[in-house]
Amino acid sequence: MVEDEQSVRDLYTAWLADAYDVRTAGTLADARGVLDASVDVVLLDRRLPDGSGDDLLATIDDRRLDCRVAMVTGVEPDFDVVSLGFDDYLVKPVERERVVETVERLLDLRNYPAAVRAFYQTAAAKASLEAAKSPDALASDDRYAALCEEFENLRERVQATAATTDPVLVRALFRDLA
């Protein structure tokens, strides 16, 4: 849990601590210090006092860590989210049920092939933009068009995996994303 507001960090920790080992950080530097290969899911604020949550995404990539990331932030998504590489994007305020479900879904996602994880990331970026932008703004942006093309290509690649997977789990993983 990387969140600069102590009260929010405490609240999310209380929601998750019964089921998970929760590490917390209030700054980018602290997050880099507690981030290692044993971390499965990161809930990440985009605005931190010493940098951006986007910078921690780069650190995760540089360290080649296999954790799933949900941006949990007050920042409405913009077209820059296309290249960030998160698995979900939640705009605050977020209710307990949504936080818990997101962590559960991301933990399940770890067990899937890279193509499925890439599809999920692409779908999350697409859904985030569609929730935040007007149809006209989406239609006029080349990054969104490229994202939609990638989404369709990945959808075709993962259909075979979805066909051999428990349908209840597939619905849980991909709800709200297609």
N, C-alpha and C. Protein backbone atom coordinates (compact mmCIF):
# COMPACT_ATOMS: atom_id res chain seq x y z
N MET A 1 0.85 -1.16 0.00
CA MET A 1 0.00 0.00 0.00
C MET A 1 0.90 1.23 0.00
N VAL A 2 0.88 1.97 -1.09
CA VAL A 2 1.68 3.18 -1.20
C VAL A 2 0.71 4.36 -1.30
N GLU A 3 0.62 5.08 -0.20
CA GLU A 3 -0.35 6.16 -0.06
C GLU A 3 0.22 7.20 0.88
N ASP A 4 0.26 8.47 0.47
CA ASP A 4 0.86 9.50 1.31
C ASP A 4 -0.03 9.95 2.46
N GLU A 5 -1.33 9.78 2.34
CA GLU A 5 -2.23 10.19 3.42
C GLU A 5 -2.34 9.06 4.45
N GLN A 6 -1.83 9.31 5.66
CA GLN A 6 -1.81 8.31 6.71
C GLN A 6 -3.19 7.73 7.00
N SER A 7 -4.22 8.57 7.05
CA SER A 7 -5.56 8.09 7.39
C SER A 7 -6.08 7.12 6.32
N VAL A 8 -5.81 7.39 5.06
CA VAL A 8 -6.23 6.50 3.97
C VAL A 8 -5.43 5.20 4.03
N ARG A 9 -4.14 5.32 4.27
CA ARG A 9 -3.28 4.14 4.40
C ARG A 9 -3.77 3.25 5.54
N ASP A 10 -4.10 3.85 6.66
CA ASP A 10 -4.60 3.09 7.81
C ASP A 10 -5.94 2.43 7.50
N LEU A 11 -6.81 3.14 6.80
CA LEU A 11 -8.12 2.59 6.46
C LEU A 11 -7.98 1.38 5.54
N TYR A 12 -7.22 1.51 4.46
CA TYR A 12 -7.05 0.39 3.53
C TYR A 12 -6.35 -0.78 4.21
N THR A 13 -5.39 -0.49 5.07
CA THR A 13 -4.70 -1.55 5.81
C THR A 13 -5.68 -2.30 6.69
N ALA A 14 -6.56 -1.58 7.38
CA ALA A 14 -7.57 -2.21 8.24
C ALA A 14 -8.49 -3.11 7.40
N TRP A 15 -8.83 -2.68 6.20
CA TRP A 15 -9.70 -3.46 5.33
C TRP A 15 -9.04 -4.76 4.88
N LEU A 16 -7.72 -4.76 4.74
CA LEU A 16 -7.01 -5.88 4.14
C LEU A 16 -6.22 -6.74 5.13
N ALA A 17 -5.92 -6.22 6.30
CA ALA A 17 -4.98 -6.89 7.22
C ALA A 17 -5.45 -8.24 7.72
N ASP A 18 -6.75 -8.48 7.79
CA ASP A 18 -7.23 -9.78 8.26
C ASP A 18 -6.88 -10.91 7.29
N ALA A 19 -6.80 -10.59 6.01
CA ALA A 19 -6.56 -11.62 5.00
C ALA A 19 -5.16 -11.57 4.38
N TYR A 20 -4.47 -10.45 4.53
CA TYR A 20 -3.20 -10.27 3.83
C TYR A 20 -2.14 -9.65 4.73
N ASP A 21 -0.89 -9.91 4.40
CA ASP A 21 0.23 -9.24 5.03
C ASP A 21 0.41 -7.92 4.28
N VAL A 22 0.10 -6.81 4.93
CA VAL A 22 0.10 -5.51 4.27
C VAL A 22 1.34 -4.72 4.70
N ARG A 23 2.12 -4.33 3.71
CA ARG A 23 3.23 -3.40 3.93
C ARG A 23 2.77 -2.04 3.47
N THR A 24 3.20 -1.00 4.17
CA THR A 24 2.77 0.33 3.79
C THR A 24 3.96 1.24 3.57
N ALA A 25 3.73 2.25 2.73
CA ALA A 25 4.73 3.28 2.48
C ALA A 25 3.99 4.57 2.19
N GLY A 26 4.54 5.67 2.69
CA GLY A 26 3.94 6.98 2.47
C GLY A 26 4.66 7.82 1.45
N THR A 27 5.82 7.34 1.00
CA THR A 27 6.61 8.08 0.01
C THR A 27 7.13 7.11 -1.04
N LEU A 28 7.58 7.66 -2.13
CA LEU A 28 8.19 6.86 -3.18
C LEU A 28 9.45 6.17 -2.66
N ALA A 29 10.27 6.89 -1.91
CA ALA A 29 11.50 6.30 -1.36
C ALA A 29 11.18 5.14 -0.42
N ASP A 30 10.19 5.31 0.45
CA ASP A 30 9.81 4.22 1.36
C ASP A 30 9.28 3.02 0.58
N ALA A 31 8.51 3.29 -0.47
CA ALA A 31 7.96 2.20 -1.28
C ALA A 31 9.09 1.41 -1.95
N ARG A 32 10.06 2.12 -2.48
CA ARG A 32 11.20 1.42 -3.10
C ARG A 32 11.94 0.57 -2.08
N GLY A 33 11.95 1.03 -0.83
CA GLY A 33 12.64 0.29 0.22
C GLY A 33 11.94 -1.00 0.63
N VAL A 34 10.61 -1.04 0.57
CA VAL A 34 9.89 -2.25 1.00
C VAL A 34 9.49 -3.14 -0.17
N LEU A 35 9.72 -2.68 -1.38
CA LEU A 35 9.33 -3.43 -2.57
C LEU A 35 10.38 -4.47 -2.91
N ASP A 36 9.96 -5.73 -2.90
CA ASP A 36 10.86 -6.81 -3.29
C ASP A 36 10.04 -7.92 -3.96
N ALA A 37 10.70 -9.01 -4.28
CA ALA A 37 10.05 -10.10 -5.02
C ALA A 37 8.93 -10.78 -4.25
N SER A 38 8.84 -10.57 -2.96
CA SER A 38 7.77 -11.21 -2.18
C SER A 38 6.44 -10.45 -2.26
N VAL A 39 6.45 -9.26 -2.83
CA VAL A 39 5.23 -8.45 -2.95
C VAL A 39 4.42 -8.96 -4.14
N ASP A 40 3.14 -9.27 -3.89
CA ASP A 40 2.27 -9.79 -4.93
C ASP A 40 1.41 -8.72 -5.57
N VAL A 41 0.92 -7.77 -4.77
CA VAL A 41 0.02 -6.72 -5.25
C VAL A 41 0.44 -5.39 -4.63
N VAL A 42 0.42 -4.35 -5.47
CA VAL A 42 0.71 -3.00 -4.99
C VAL A 42 -0.52 -2.14 -5.26
N LEU A 43 -1.01 -1.49 -4.22
CA LEU A 43 -2.03 -0.45 -4.36
C LEU A 43 -1.27 0.86 -4.31
N LEU A 44 -1.34 1.64 -5.37
CA LEU A 44 -0.40 2.74 -5.58
C LEU A 44 -1.11 4.06 -5.88
N ASP A 45 -0.82 5.05 -5.06
CA ASP A 45 -1.29 6.41 -5.31
C ASP A 45 -0.38 7.03 -6.37
N ARG A 46 -0.94 7.87 -7.22
CA ARG A 46 -0.12 8.51 -8.26
C ARG A 46 0.63 9.73 -7.74
N ARG A 47 0.08 10.40 -6.74
CA ARG A 47 0.73 11.60 -6.20
C ARG A 47 1.37 11.27 -4.87
N LEU A 48 2.68 11.38 -4.82
CA LEU A 48 3.43 11.13 -3.59
C LEU A 48 4.29 12.35 -3.30
N PRO A 49 4.65 12.57 -2.05
CA PRO A 49 5.38 13.81 -1.72
C PRO A 49 6.75 13.92 -2.39
N ASP A 50 7.36 12.79 -2.72
CA ASP A 50 8.71 12.83 -3.30
C ASP A 50 8.76 12.30 -4.73
N GLY A 51 7.63 12.24 -5.38
CA GLY A 51 7.62 11.77 -6.77
C GLY A 51 6.23 11.29 -7.16
N SER A 52 6.21 10.51 -8.20
CA SER A 52 4.95 10.03 -8.75
C SER A 52 4.86 8.52 -8.59
N GLY A 53 3.65 8.03 -8.41
CA GLY A 53 3.44 6.59 -8.43
C GLY A 53 3.88 5.99 -9.75
N ASP A 54 3.82 6.80 -10.81
CA ASP A 54 4.28 6.35 -12.11
C ASP A 54 5.76 5.95 -12.04
N ASP A 55 6.54 6.66 -11.21
CA ASP A 55 7.95 6.34 -11.04
C ASP A 55 8.13 4.97 -10.40
N LEU A 56 7.22 4.59 -9.49
CA LEU A 56 7.32 3.28 -8.87
C LEU A 56 6.99 2.19 -9.88
N LEU A 57 6.08 2.47 -10.80
CA LEU A 57 5.82 1.50 -11.88
C LEU A 57 7.10 1.24 -12.67
N ALA A 58 7.88 2.29 -12.93
CA ALA A 58 9.15 2.12 -13.63
C ALA A 58 10.13 1.30 -12.80
N THR A 59 10.15 1.51 -11.50
CA THR A 59 11.01 0.73 -10.62
C THR A 59 10.63 -0.74 -10.65
N ILE A 60 9.33 -1.02 -10.61
CA ILE A 60 8.85 -2.40 -10.67
C ILE A 60 9.31 -3.04 -11.97
N ASP A 61 9.21 -2.31 -13.06
CA ASP A 61 9.65 -2.82 -14.35
C ASP A 61 11.16 -3.02 -14.37
N ASP A 62 11.92 -2.03 -13.88
CA ASP A 62 13.38 -2.12 -13.87
C ASP A 62 13.86 -3.31 -13.04
N ARG A 63 13.19 -3.57 -11.93
CA ARG A 63 13.57 -4.69 -11.05
C ARG A 63 12.99 -6.02 -11.53
N ARG A 64 12.20 -5.97 -12.58
CA ARG A 64 11.56 -7.16 -13.14
C ARG A 64 10.75 -7.92 -12.10
N LEU A 65 10.01 -7.16 -11.30
CA LEU A 65 9.17 -7.76 -10.27
C LEU A 65 7.86 -8.23 -10.88
N ASP A 66 7.39 -9.34 -10.39
CA ASP A 66 6.17 -9.95 -10.93
C ASP A 66 5.00 -9.67 -10.01
N CYS A 67 4.76 -8.41 -9.73
CA CYS A 67 3.62 -8.05 -8.89
C CYS A 67 2.59 -7.35 -9.76
N ARG A 68 1.37 -7.40 -9.33
CA ARG A 68 0.27 -6.73 -10.02
C ARG A 68 0.05 -5.39 -9.34
N VAL A 69 -0.37 -4.38 -10.09
CA VAL A 69 -0.48 -3.02 -9.56
C VAL A 69 -1.85 -2.42 -9.88
N ALA A 70 -2.49 -1.90 -8.85
CA ALA A 70 -3.70 -1.10 -9.03
C ALA A 70 -3.38 0.32 -8.60
N MET A 71 -3.60 1.26 -9.51
CA MET A 71 -3.48 2.66 -9.15
C MET A 71 -4.76 3.01 -8.37
N VAL A 72 -4.59 3.55 -7.18
CA VAL A 72 -5.72 3.97 -6.34
C VAL A 72 -5.44 5.43 -6.02
N THR A 73 -6.14 6.32 -6.73
CA THR A 73 -5.70 7.70 -6.75
C THR A 73 -6.87 8.66 -6.95
N GLY A 74 -6.63 9.88 -6.60
CA GLY A 74 -7.60 10.94 -6.85
C GLY A 74 -7.39 11.58 -8.22
N VAL A 75 -6.41 11.12 -8.96
CA VAL A 75 -6.08 11.67 -10.27
C VAL A 75 -6.93 10.98 -11.34
N GLU A 76 -7.77 11.76 -12.01
CA GLU A 76 -8.54 11.20 -13.13
C GLU A 76 -7.56 10.75 -14.21
N PRO A 77 -7.81 9.62 -14.83
CA PRO A 77 -6.87 9.14 -15.85
C PRO A 77 -6.87 10.04 -17.07
N ASP A 78 -5.69 10.20 -17.65
CA ASP A 78 -5.53 10.93 -18.89
C ASP A 78 -4.86 9.97 -19.88
N PHE A 79 -4.60 10.43 -21.09
CA PHE A 79 -4.09 9.54 -22.11
C PHE A 79 -2.70 8.98 -21.79
N ASP A 80 -2.01 9.54 -20.81
CA ASP A 80 -0.72 9.00 -20.41
C ASP A 80 -0.84 7.61 -19.79
N VAL A 81 -2.03 7.22 -19.35
CA VAL A 81 -2.19 5.90 -18.73
C VAL A 81 -1.96 4.77 -19.72
N VAL A 82 -2.02 5.07 -21.00
CA VAL A 82 -1.83 4.05 -22.03
C VAL A 82 -0.50 3.34 -21.86
N SER A 83 0.52 4.06 -21.45
CA SER A 83 1.87 3.48 -21.38
C SER A 83 2.34 3.14 -19.97
N LEU A 84 1.49 3.26 -18.97
CA LEU A 84 1.95 3.09 -17.59
C LEU A 84 2.14 1.63 -17.17
N GLY A 85 1.30 0.72 -17.61
CA GLY A 85 1.49 -0.69 -17.26
C GLY A 85 0.91 -1.11 -15.93
N PHE A 86 -0.20 -0.52 -15.50
CA PHE A 86 -0.88 -0.95 -14.29
C PHE A 86 -1.94 -1.99 -14.66
N ASP A 87 -2.48 -2.65 -13.65
CA ASP A 87 -3.49 -3.69 -13.87
C ASP A 87 -4.91 -3.22 -13.59
N ASP A 88 -5.06 -2.16 -12.84
CA ASP A 88 -6.37 -1.60 -12.57
C ASP A 88 -6.19 -0.15 -12.16
N TYR A 89 -7.24 0.65 -12.33
CA TYR A 89 -7.16 2.07 -12.02
C TYR A 89 -8.44 2.46 -11.29
N LEU A 90 -8.30 2.76 -10.01
CA LEU A 90 -9.44 3.12 -9.17
C LEU A 90 -9.31 4.59 -8.78
N VAL A 91 -10.37 5.34 -9.00
CA VAL A 91 -10.36 6.76 -8.64
C VAL A 91 -11.03 6.91 -7.27
N LYS A 92 -10.32 7.55 -6.35
CA LYS A 92 -10.83 7.79 -5.00
C LYS A 92 -12.02 8.73 -5.04
N PRO A 93 -12.91 8.59 -4.11
CA PRO A 93 -12.91 7.64 -3.00
C PRO A 93 -13.32 6.25 -3.49
N VAL A 94 -12.74 5.24 -2.84
CA VAL A 94 -13.00 3.85 -3.20
C VAL A 94 -13.56 3.14 -1.98
N GLU A 95 -14.61 2.39 -2.18
CA GLU A 95 -15.24 1.67 -1.08
C GLU A 95 -14.49 0.38 -0.77
N ARG A 96 -14.68 -0.09 0.45
CA ARG A 96 -14.00 -1.28 0.93
C ARG A 96 -14.16 -2.46 -0.02
N GLU A 97 -15.38 -2.74 -0.42
CA GLU A 97 -15.64 -3.89 -1.29
C GLU A 97 -14.81 -3.83 -2.57
N ARG A 98 -14.70 -2.65 -3.14
CA ARG A 98 -13.94 -2.50 -4.39
C ARG A 98 -12.45 -2.73 -4.17
N VAL A 99 -11.91 -2.26 -3.05
CA VAL A 99 -10.50 -2.48 -2.74
C VAL A 99 -10.23 -3.97 -2.54
N VAL A 100 -11.05 -4.62 -1.75
CA VAL A 100 -10.86 -6.05 -1.47
C VAL A 100 -11.01 -6.87 -2.75
N GLU A 101 -12.04 -6.59 -3.55
CA GLU A 101 -12.23 -7.32 -4.80
C GLU A 101 -11.06 -7.11 -5.76
N THR A 102 -10.54 -5.91 -5.79
CA THR A 102 -9.41 -5.62 -6.67
C THR A 102 -8.19 -6.44 -6.27
N VAL A 103 -7.89 -6.48 -4.99
CA VAL A 103 -6.75 -7.28 -4.52
C VAL A 103 -6.97 -8.76 -4.86
N GLU A 104 -8.14 -9.27 -4.61
CA GLU A 104 -8.44 -10.67 -4.92
C GLU A 104 -8.26 -10.95 -6.41
N ARG A 105 -8.78 -10.08 -7.25
CA ARG A 105 -8.69 -10.26 -8.70
C ARG A 105 -7.23 -10.20 -9.16
N LEU A 106 -6.46 -9.28 -8.60
CA LEU A 106 -5.06 -9.17 -9.00
C LEU A 106 -4.24 -10.38 -8.53
N LEU A 107 -4.57 -10.91 -7.38
CA LEU A 107 -3.90 -12.13 -6.93
C LEU A 107 -4.21 -13.29 -7.87
N ASP A 108 -5.44 -13.41 -8.31
CA ASP A 108 -5.81 -14.44 -9.28
C ASP A 108 -5.07 -14.24 -10.60
N LEU A 109 -4.93 -13.01 -11.00
CA LEU A 109 -4.31 -12.69 -12.28
C LEU A 109 -2.85 -13.14 -12.34
N ARG A 110 -2.17 -13.18 -11.21
CA ARG A 110 -0.77 -13.61 -11.18
C ARG A 110 -0.57 -15.00 -11.78
N ASN A 111 -1.61 -15.84 -11.70
CA ASN A 111 -1.50 -17.23 -12.12
C ASN A 111 -1.74 -17.45 -13.61
N TYR A 112 -1.96 -16.38 -14.34
CA TYR A 112 -2.29 -16.51 -15.75
C TYR A 112 -1.09 -16.20 -16.63
N PRO A 113 -1.12 -16.72 -17.87
CA PRO A 113 -0.01 -16.45 -18.80
C PRO A 113 0.16 -14.95 -19.06
N ALA A 114 1.34 -14.60 -19.55
CA ALA A 114 1.68 -13.20 -19.81
C ALA A 114 0.69 -12.53 -20.76
N ALA A 115 0.19 -13.26 -21.75
CA ALA A 115 -0.76 -12.66 -22.70
C ALA A 115 -2.05 -12.25 -21.99
N VAL A 116 -2.50 -13.05 -21.04
CA VAL A 116 -3.72 -12.72 -20.30
C VAL A 116 -3.47 -11.50 -19.43
N ARG A 117 -2.31 -11.45 -18.78
CA ARG A 117 -1.99 -10.29 -17.94
C ARG A 117 -1.88 -9.02 -18.80
N ALA A 118 -1.30 -9.14 -19.99
CA ALA A 118 -1.20 -7.99 -20.89
C ALA A 118 -2.60 -7.54 -21.34
N PHE A 119 -3.47 -8.50 -21.62
CA PHE A 119 -4.84 -8.17 -21.99
C PHE A 119 -5.53 -7.41 -20.86
N TYR A 120 -5.35 -7.89 -19.65
CA TYR A 120 -5.96 -7.25 -18.49
C TYR A 120 -5.46 -5.82 -18.34
N GLN A 121 -4.15 -5.62 -18.48
CA GLN A 121 -3.59 -4.27 -18.37
C GLN A 121 -4.15 -3.34 -19.45
N THR A 122 -4.20 -3.85 -20.66
CA THR A 122 -4.72 -3.05 -21.77
C THR A 122 -6.19 -2.72 -21.55
N ALA A 123 -6.94 -3.71 -21.10
CA ALA A 123 -8.36 -3.50 -20.83
C ALA A 123 -8.57 -2.49 -19.71
N ALA A 124 -7.73 -2.54 -18.70
CA ALA A 124 -7.85 -1.60 -17.58
C ALA A 124 -7.57 -0.17 -18.03
N ALA A 125 -6.54 0.01 -18.84
CA ALA A 125 -6.24 1.35 -19.36
C ALA A 125 -7.39 1.85 -20.24
N LYS A 126 -7.92 0.98 -21.08
CA LYS A 126 -9.03 1.34 -21.97
C LYS A 126 -10.26 1.72 -21.15
N ALA A 127 -10.61 0.91 -20.16
CA ALA A 127 -11.78 1.18 -19.33
C ALA A 127 -11.61 2.47 -18.54
N SER A 128 -10.41 2.72 -18.06
CA SER A 128 -10.15 3.95 -17.30
C SER A 128 -10.37 5.19 -18.17
N LEU A 129 -9.84 5.14 -19.37
CA LEU A 129 -10.01 6.27 -20.27
C LEU A 129 -11.47 6.46 -20.67
N GLU A 130 -12.15 5.36 -20.93
CA GLU A 130 -13.55 5.46 -21.34
C GLU A 130 -14.42 6.01 -20.23
N ALA A 131 -14.04 5.78 -18.99
CA ALA A 131 -14.80 6.33 -17.87
C ALA A 131 -14.53 7.82 -17.67
N ALA A 132 -13.34 8.28 -18.09
CA ALA A 132 -12.93 9.65 -17.80
C ALA A 132 -13.06 10.61 -18.98
N LYS A 133 -13.09 10.10 -20.19
CA LYS A 133 -13.04 10.96 -21.37
C LYS A 133 -14.34 10.87 -22.17
N SER A 134 -14.63 11.92 -22.88
CA SER A 134 -15.82 11.94 -23.74
C SER A 134 -15.54 11.09 -24.98
N PRO A 135 -16.59 10.62 -25.63
CA PRO A 135 -16.40 9.87 -26.87
C PRO A 135 -15.63 10.68 -27.93
N ASP A 136 -15.88 11.98 -28.00
CA ASP A 136 -15.16 12.82 -28.96
C ASP A 136 -13.67 12.88 -28.65
N ALA A 137 -13.33 13.03 -27.38
CA ALA A 137 -11.91 13.07 -26.98
C ALA A 137 -11.23 11.74 -27.29
N LEU A 138 -11.92 10.65 -27.03
CA LEU A 138 -11.36 9.33 -27.34
C LEU A 138 -11.15 9.16 -28.83
N ALA A 139 -12.14 9.53 -29.61
CA ALA A 139 -12.07 9.36 -31.06
C ALA A 139 -10.95 10.17 -31.70
N SER A 140 -10.56 11.26 -31.07
CA SER A 140 -9.56 12.14 -31.68
C SER A 140 -8.14 11.87 -31.17
N ASP A 141 -7.95 10.85 -30.35
CA ASP A 141 -6.62 10.60 -29.78
C ASP A 141 -6.00 9.34 -30.39
N ASP A 142 -4.82 9.49 -30.98
CA ASP A 142 -4.13 8.37 -31.62
C ASP A 142 -3.70 7.31 -30.62
N ARG A 143 -3.35 7.74 -29.40
CA ARG A 143 -2.93 6.75 -28.38
C ARG A 143 -4.09 5.84 -28.02
N TYR A 144 -5.28 6.39 -27.92
CA TYR A 144 -6.45 5.58 -27.62
C TYR A 144 -6.75 4.63 -28.77
N ALA A 145 -6.62 5.09 -29.99
CA ALA A 145 -6.85 4.23 -31.15
C ALA A 145 -5.87 3.05 -31.16
N ALA A 146 -4.60 3.34 -30.87
CA ALA A 146 -3.61 2.27 -30.81
C ALA A 146 -3.91 1.30 -29.66
N LEU A 147 -4.38 1.84 -28.55
CA LEU A 147 -4.75 1.00 -27.40
C LEU A 147 -5.90 0.07 -27.78
N CYS A 148 -6.89 0.58 -28.48
CA CYS A 148 -8.03 -0.24 -28.91
C CYS A 148 -7.58 -1.35 -29.85
N GLU A 149 -6.66 -1.03 -30.73
CA GLU A 149 -6.13 -2.04 -31.65
C GLU A 149 -5.38 -3.13 -30.88
N GLU A 150 -4.55 -2.71 -29.94
CA GLU A 150 -3.83 -3.69 -29.12
C GLU A 150 -4.80 -4.54 -28.30
N PHE A 151 -5.83 -3.91 -27.76
CA PHE A 151 -6.85 -4.62 -27.00
C PHE A 151 -7.48 -5.73 -27.84
N GLU A 152 -7.87 -5.41 -29.07
CA GLU A 152 -8.49 -6.41 -29.94
C GLU A 152 -7.53 -7.54 -30.29
N ASN A 153 -6.27 -7.19 -30.56
CA ASN A 153 -5.26 -8.22 -30.85
C ASN A 153 -5.07 -9.15 -29.66
N LEU A 154 -4.97 -8.58 -28.48
CA LEU A 154 -4.79 -9.41 -27.28
C LEU A 154 -6.04 -10.23 -26.97
N ARG A 155 -7.21 -9.66 -27.22
CA ARG A 155 -8.45 -10.40 -26.99
C ARG A 155 -8.45 -11.69 -27.81
N GLU A 156 -8.04 -11.60 -29.07
CA GLU A 156 -7.97 -12.78 -29.92
C GLU A 156 -6.97 -13.80 -29.36
N ARG A 157 -5.85 -13.33 -28.87
CA ARG A 157 -4.82 -14.23 -28.33
C ARG A 157 -5.27 -14.94 -27.07
N VAL A 158 -6.06 -14.27 -26.23
CA VAL A 158 -6.43 -14.89 -24.95
C VAL A 158 -7.73 -15.68 -25.02
N GLN A 159 -8.43 -15.63 -26.12
CA GLN A 159 -9.69 -16.39 -26.20
C GLN A 159 -9.47 -17.87 -25.99
N ALA A 160 -8.38 -18.42 -26.49
CA ALA A 160 -8.10 -19.85 -26.30
C ALA A 160 -7.89 -20.16 -24.82
N THR A 161 -7.19 -19.29 -24.11
CA THR A 161 -6.98 -19.48 -22.67
C THR A 161 -8.29 -19.40 -21.92
N ALA A 162 -9.11 -18.43 -22.26
CA ALA A 162 -10.40 -18.26 -21.60
C ALA A 162 -11.30 -19.46 -21.84
N ALA A 163 -11.22 -20.05 -23.01
CA ALA A 163 -12.07 -21.19 -23.33
C ALA A 163 -11.73 -22.42 -22.50
N THR A 164 -10.51 -22.51 -21.99
CA THR A 164 -10.10 -23.67 -21.20
C THR A 164 -10.07 -23.38 -19.71
N THR A 165 -10.59 -22.23 -19.30
CA THR A 165 -10.53 -21.79 -17.91
C THR A 165 -11.93 -21.78 -17.30
N ASP A 166 -11.99 -21.95 -16.01
CA ASP A 166 -13.26 -21.91 -15.29
C ASP A 166 -14.02 -20.63 -15.65
N PRO A 167 -15.23 -20.75 -16.22
CA PRO A 167 -15.96 -19.56 -16.67
C PRO A 167 -16.27 -18.57 -15.55
N VAL A 168 -16.49 -19.05 -14.34
CA VAL A 168 -16.77 -18.14 -13.22
C VAL A 168 -15.54 -17.27 -12.94
N LEU A 169 -14.35 -17.89 -12.99
CA LEU A 169 -13.12 -17.15 -12.76
C LEU A 169 -12.86 -16.16 -13.89
N VAL A 170 -13.12 -16.56 -15.11
CA VAL A 170 -12.93 -15.66 -16.25
C VAL A 170 -13.82 -14.43 -16.10
N ARG A 171 -15.09 -14.64 -15.74
CA ARG A 171 -16.00 -13.51 -15.54
C ARG A 171 -15.50 -12.61 -14.42
N ALA A 172 -15.00 -13.19 -13.34
CA ALA A 172 -14.50 -12.39 -12.21
C ALA A 172 -13.28 -11.58 -12.60
N LEU A 173 -12.38 -12.18 -13.36
CA LEU A 173 -11.17 -11.48 -13.76
C LEU A 173 -11.45 -10.33 -14.74
N PHE A 174 -12.37 -10.55 -15.66
CA PHE A 174 -12.53 -9.61 -16.74
C PHE A 174 -13.81 -8.79 -16.69
N ARG A 175 -14.52 -8.82 -15.56
CA ARG A 175 -15.72 -8.00 -15.46
C ARG A 175 -15.32 -6.52 -15.57
N ASP A 176 -16.18 -5.77 -16.16
CA ASP A 176 -15.99 -4.33 -16.32
C ASP A 176 -14.84 -3.95 -17.26
N LEU A 177 -14.20 -4.92 -17.91
CA LEU A 177 -13.04 -4.57 -18.74
C LEU A 177 -13.32 -4.65 -20.23
N ALA A 178 -14.25 -5.43 -20.64
CA ALA A 178 -14.49 -5.57 -22.08
C ALA A 178 -15.50 -4.55 -22.50
